[in-house]
Protein backbone atom coordinates (compact mmCIF):
# COMPACT_ATOMS: atom_id res chain seq x y z
CA MET A 1 7.41 2.13 -26.45
CA ALA A 2 7.59 4.90 -23.60
CA ARG A 3 9.93 6.01 -21.18
CA LEU A 4 9.76 6.58 -17.13
CA SER A 5 10.46 9.94 -17.86
CA ASP A 6 7.66 10.63 -20.32
CA TYR A 7 4.84 10.98 -17.40
CA LYS A 8 3.58 13.90 -15.73
CA VAL A 9 2.62 12.16 -12.18
CA LEU A 10 3.32 8.81 -10.02
CA THR A 11 0.32 7.95 -8.40
CA PHE A 12 1.43 5.79 -5.05
CA ASP A 13 -0.18 3.20 -2.94
CA CYS A 14 1.56 3.48 0.01
CA TYR A 15 1.54 0.73 2.75
CA GLY A 16 3.63 -2.23 0.85
CA THR A 17 5.41 0.09 -1.31
CA LEU A 18 6.76 3.25 0.58
CA ILE A 19 5.98 2.14 4.25
CA ASP A 20 6.91 -1.43 5.22
CA TRP A 21 3.41 -2.39 6.66
CA GLU A 22 4.49 -6.23 6.83
CA SER A 23 7.02 -5.50 9.15
CA GLY A 24 4.73 -3.07 11.27
CA ILE A 25 1.98 -5.23 10.98
CA TRP A 26 4.41 -8.44 12.14
CA ASP A 27 5.82 -6.48 15.49
CA ALA A 28 2.21 -4.88 15.80
CA LEU A 29 1.13 -9.24 16.63
CA GLN A 30 4.00 -9.43 19.02
CA PRO A 31 1.83 -8.23 21.91
CA LEU A 32 -1.06 -10.67 21.18
CA PHE A 33 1.43 -13.37 20.44
CA MET A 34 3.20 -12.70 24.09
CA ASP A 35 0.25 -12.57 25.71
CA ASN A 36 -0.61 -16.27 25.24
CA SER A 37 2.68 -17.57 25.00
CA TYR A 38 2.21 -18.45 21.17
CA SER A 39 5.46 -19.56 18.91
CA GLU A 40 3.43 -21.76 16.48
CA ILE A 41 2.99 -19.43 13.70
CA ALA A 42 6.16 -17.95 11.48
CA ARG A 43 5.85 -14.21 9.63
CA ASP A 44 4.48 -15.67 6.15
CA GLY A 45 1.40 -17.71 7.51
CA ALA A 46 0.48 -14.87 10.00
CA LEU A 47 0.71 -12.17 7.24
CA THR A 48 -0.98 -14.69 5.01
CA ALA A 49 -3.84 -15.10 7.23
CA TYR A 50 -3.77 -11.33 7.92
CA ALA A 51 -4.34 -10.55 4.46
CA LYS A 52 -7.30 -12.65 3.94
CA LEU A 53 -9.22 -11.01 6.98
CA GLU A 54 -7.82 -7.74 6.08
CA SER A 55 -9.51 -7.60 2.08
CA LYS A 56 -12.70 -9.14 3.49
CA GLN A 57 -13.46 -6.04 6.57
CA GLU A 58 -12.59 -3.47 3.74
CA ALA A 59 -14.97 -4.90 1.50
CA ASP A 60 -17.54 -5.60 3.96
CA THR A 61 -17.09 -2.10 5.61
CA PRO A 62 -16.10 0.66 3.08
CA ASN A 63 -16.80 3.26 5.45
CA MET A 64 -14.86 1.98 8.44
CA LEU A 65 -11.95 3.75 8.94
CA TYR A 66 -8.56 1.94 8.37
CA SER A 67 -7.61 2.02 12.62
CA GLU A 68 -11.07 0.33 13.05
CA VAL A 69 -10.32 -1.67 10.01
CA LEU A 70 -7.20 -3.00 11.92
CA ARG A 71 -9.06 -3.33 15.30
CA ASN A 72 -11.85 -5.41 14.15
CA VAL A 73 -8.98 -7.70 11.76
CA HIS A 74 -6.66 -7.92 15.42
CA SER A 75 -10.10 -9.48 16.93
CA GLN A 76 -10.56 -11.87 13.96
CA PHE A 77 -7.20 -12.92 13.51
CA ALA A 78 -6.95 -14.16 17.68
CA ASP A 79 -10.63 -15.95 17.13
CA GLN A 80 -8.65 -17.85 13.72
CA PHE A 81 -5.79 -19.02 15.75
CA ASN A 82 -8.04 -19.65 19.59
CA LEU A 83 -5.79 -16.60 20.94
CA ARG A 84 -6.73 -14.82 24.18
CA THR A 85 -7.28 -10.91 23.20
CA THR A 86 -8.54 -7.90 24.82
CA GLU A 87 -10.43 -4.99 23.80
CA GLU A 88 -6.58 -2.90 24.82
CA LEU A 89 -4.84 -5.23 22.65
CA ASP A 90 -7.34 -4.61 19.82
CA ALA A 91 -7.01 -1.37 20.40
CA MET A 92 -3.10 -1.17 20.44
CA PHE A 93 -2.88 -3.22 17.02
CA GLY A 94 -6.21 -0.39 15.59
CA ALA A 95 -3.06 2.53 16.72
CA SER A 96 -0.01 0.83 15.41
CA LEU A 97 -0.02 2.33 11.93
CA PRO A 98 2.41 5.09 13.18
CA HIS A 99 4.78 3.03 14.52
CA TRP A 100 5.40 0.70 10.59
CA PRO A 101 8.50 1.98 9.11
CA ALA A 102 9.41 3.70 5.59
CA PHE A 103 11.46 1.38 3.80
CA PRO A 104 14.95 2.70 3.80
CA ASP A 105 15.31 3.88 0.23
CA THR A 106 11.93 5.61 0.05
CA ALA A 107 12.76 9.04 1.14
CA ASP A 108 15.74 9.84 -0.99
CA ALA A 109 14.06 7.57 -3.75
CA LEU A 110 10.56 9.80 -3.55
CA ARG A 111 13.13 13.10 -3.24
CA ASN A 112 14.51 12.50 -6.37
CA LEU A 113 11.43 11.54 -8.32
CA LYS A 114 9.97 14.83 -6.95
CA SER A 115 12.01 16.63 -9.36
CA HIS A 116 10.57 15.70 -12.72
CA PHE A 117 7.07 14.21 -11.82
CA LYS A 118 4.12 15.37 -9.62
CA LEU A 119 3.82 12.69 -6.66
CA VAL A 120 0.37 11.72 -5.70
CA ILE A 121 -1.27 9.08 -3.25
CA LEU A 122 -3.95 6.78 -3.35
CA SER A 123 -3.98 4.52 -0.21
CA ASN A 124 -6.34 2.49 1.69
CA ILE A 125 -5.94 4.20 4.68
CA SER A 126 -7.21 8.00 6.78
CA ARG A 127 -6.00 11.82 6.40
CA GLU A 128 -4.82 11.16 10.22
CA GLY A 129 -3.07 7.90 9.27
CA PHE A 130 -1.47 9.21 6.47
CA SER A 131 -0.45 12.66 7.95
CA ALA A 132 1.72 9.52 11.17
CA SER A 133 3.38 7.93 7.70
CA SER A 134 3.93 11.27 5.95
CA ARG A 135 6.68 12.54 7.86
CA LYS A 136 8.51 9.58 7.24
CA LEU A 137 8.54 9.96 3.09
CA GLY A 138 10.45 13.03 3.13
CA VAL A 139 8.95 15.02 0.11
CA GLU A 140 5.49 17.41 0.16
CA PHE A 141 3.13 14.92 -2.15
CA ASP A 142 0.92 16.94 -4.87
CA ALA A 143 -2.24 15.45 -3.80
CA ILE A 144 -3.32 12.63 -0.78
CA TYR A 145 -6.85 10.80 -1.94
CA THR A 146 -7.30 8.17 0.96
CA ALA A 147 -9.94 5.40 1.39
CA GLU A 148 -11.62 7.72 3.80
CA ASP A 149 -12.46 10.68 1.25
CA ILE A 150 -13.65 7.82 -1.34
CA GLY A 151 -15.48 6.09 0.71
CA SER A 152 -14.32 2.48 -0.28
CA TYR A 153 -10.92 0.57 -0.25
CA LYS A 154 -8.74 -0.46 -3.04
CA PRO A 155 -9.21 -2.74 -4.89
CA ASN A 156 -12.74 -1.47 -5.26
CA ALA A 157 -13.31 0.79 -8.64
CA ALA A 158 -14.78 3.53 -7.33
CA ASN A 159 -10.79 4.32 -5.81
CA PHE A 160 -9.62 4.73 -9.43
CA GLU A 161 -12.39 6.66 -10.71
CA TYR A 162 -12.02 8.83 -8.41
CA LEU A 163 -8.12 9.19 -8.54
CA LEU A 164 -9.11 9.81 -12.34
CA SER A 165 -11.34 12.38 -11.77
CA HIS A 166 -9.41 14.37 -8.86
CA LEU A 167 -6.37 14.27 -11.17
CA SER A 168 -7.91 16.19 -13.96
CA ASN A 169 -10.24 18.42 -11.63
CA ASP A 170 -7.14 19.23 -9.33
CA LEU A 171 -4.12 18.85 -11.50
CA ASN A 172 -5.34 19.44 -15.15
CA LEU A 173 -3.88 15.82 -15.93
CA ASP A 174 -5.32 13.30 -18.11
CA LYS A 175 -4.66 9.10 -18.20
CA SER A 176 -1.43 9.33 -20.03
CA ASP A 177 0.38 11.52 -18.29
CA ILE A 178 0.01 9.00 -14.83
CA LEU A 179 2.05 6.28 -13.98
CA HIS A 180 0.78 4.11 -11.35
CA THR A 181 3.34 2.98 -8.91
CA ALA A 182 2.91 0.14 -6.23
CA GLN A 183 3.45 -3.06 -5.06
CA SER A 184 0.48 -5.01 -4.48
CA LEU A 185 -0.93 -6.33 -7.87
CA PHE A 186 -4.25 -7.44 -5.71
CA HIS A 187 -5.04 -3.91 -4.55
CA ASP A 188 -3.43 -1.85 -6.81
CA HIS A 189 -2.19 -2.94 -10.44
CA VAL A 190 -5.39 -5.40 -11.30
CA PRO A 191 -7.44 -2.52 -11.01
CA ALA A 192 -5.25 -0.45 -12.17
CA LYS A 193 -4.62 -2.43 -15.51
CA SER A 194 -8.86 -2.46 -15.57
CA PHE A 195 -8.92 1.44 -16.40
CA GLY A 196 -5.88 1.20 -18.98
CA LEU A 197 -3.44 3.23 -16.05
CA ALA A 198 0.19 2.45 -17.19
CA ASN A 199 1.93 0.96 -13.90
CA ALA A 200 5.43 0.65 -12.77
CA TRP A 201 5.43 -2.83 -10.20
CA ILE A 202 7.65 -2.23 -7.08
CA ASP A 203 8.20 -6.17 -6.77
CA ARG A 204 9.40 -5.96 -2.74
CA GLN A 205 8.09 -9.31 -2.19
CA ARG A 206 9.67 -10.54 -5.36
CA LEU A 207 6.90 -12.77 -6.56
CA SER A 208 8.13 -12.52 -10.00
CA GLU A 209 11.03 -15.01 -8.73
CA SER A 210 7.99 -17.19 -6.79
CA GLY A 211 8.64 -14.76 -3.21
CA SER A 212 5.93 -14.47 -0.85
CA TRP A 213 2.48 -12.98 -1.09
CA GLY A 214 2.63 -11.68 2.43
CA ALA A 215 0.15 -9.62 3.59
CA THR A 216 -1.62 -9.02 0.11
CA ALA A 217 -3.97 -10.98 -0.98
CA VAL A 218 -3.47 -13.37 -4.09
CA VAL A 219 -4.66 -12.95 -7.83
CA ASP A 220 -5.11 -15.80 -10.10
CA GLU A 221 -3.64 -14.08 -13.03
CA GLN A 222 -0.79 -11.24 -12.93
CA PRO A 223 -1.93 -8.16 -14.70
CA GLU A 224 -0.02 -6.63 -17.57
CA ILE A 225 3.21 -4.83 -15.97
CA ASP A 226 4.73 -1.88 -18.06
CA PHE A 227 7.86 -1.05 -15.60
CA HIS A 228 9.34 -3.81 -12.98
CA PHE A 229 11.52 -2.78 -9.98
CA PHE A 230 12.59 -4.41 -6.92
CA SER A 231 12.84 -0.95 -4.87
CA MET A 232 12.29 2.81 -4.99
CA GLY A 233 15.39 3.22 -5.09
CA GLU A 234 16.14 1.04 -8.52
CA MET A 235 13.08 3.01 -9.91
CA ALA A 236 14.45 6.15 -8.89
CA GLN A 237 17.82 5.52 -10.35
CA ALA A 238 16.13 4.04 -13.52
CA VAL A 239 14.63 7.57 -14.13
CA ALA A 240 17.92 9.10 -13.42
CA ASN A 241 19.69 6.87 -15.84
CA GLU A 242 17.26 8.15 -18.53
CA LEU A 243 17.33 11.73 -18.13
CA SER A 244 21.20 11.70 -17.90
């Protein structure tokens, strides 16, 4: 059986894995709720509704920049819950991503992992959006591949085709060198496994313990998981234990 330290590159989802997008989304919805004096929905319900709207918007408009995806989803969310929104509120939500926080364990874990692996981003985001988040992550990545570069959003197979092609051409890496590391079963692990990639599940929502799906769409069948952790800190410690 392969060990974590056998791989040469960790390919990361960012939002949900390294950046706490659920807290970011929830916080960014508060102006809408306040403007409508609305308190009838809890965080889990709001994130579940958001997940369905976002995944449909990304599938319908694969070339749309992520800030515009957010702006459109905010307007649709307001309509779904019969809330009054404005262009200003929609635009504020669309521009909220730079304020989404990193998970507390992310920067230390990435710095430790950087000493053994190449680190690569494969994210449903724009270049500008990732640039705003990257300042919170504490490391320089060896490559960054975004939905803006690819022209589609995960879980579209084109994103993983792009990843494999560019890792081969840019960094001279084969499929067997890659450990795809992500939180979302829907966006990442189902398509990664369809391409035969090894994977590490950062199960921040503790779905394996009947946790919430949060802001990620539900999958009917869990894909095979090679490595399972509840945080990036756990994964970095597991690598350190192997190497010690």
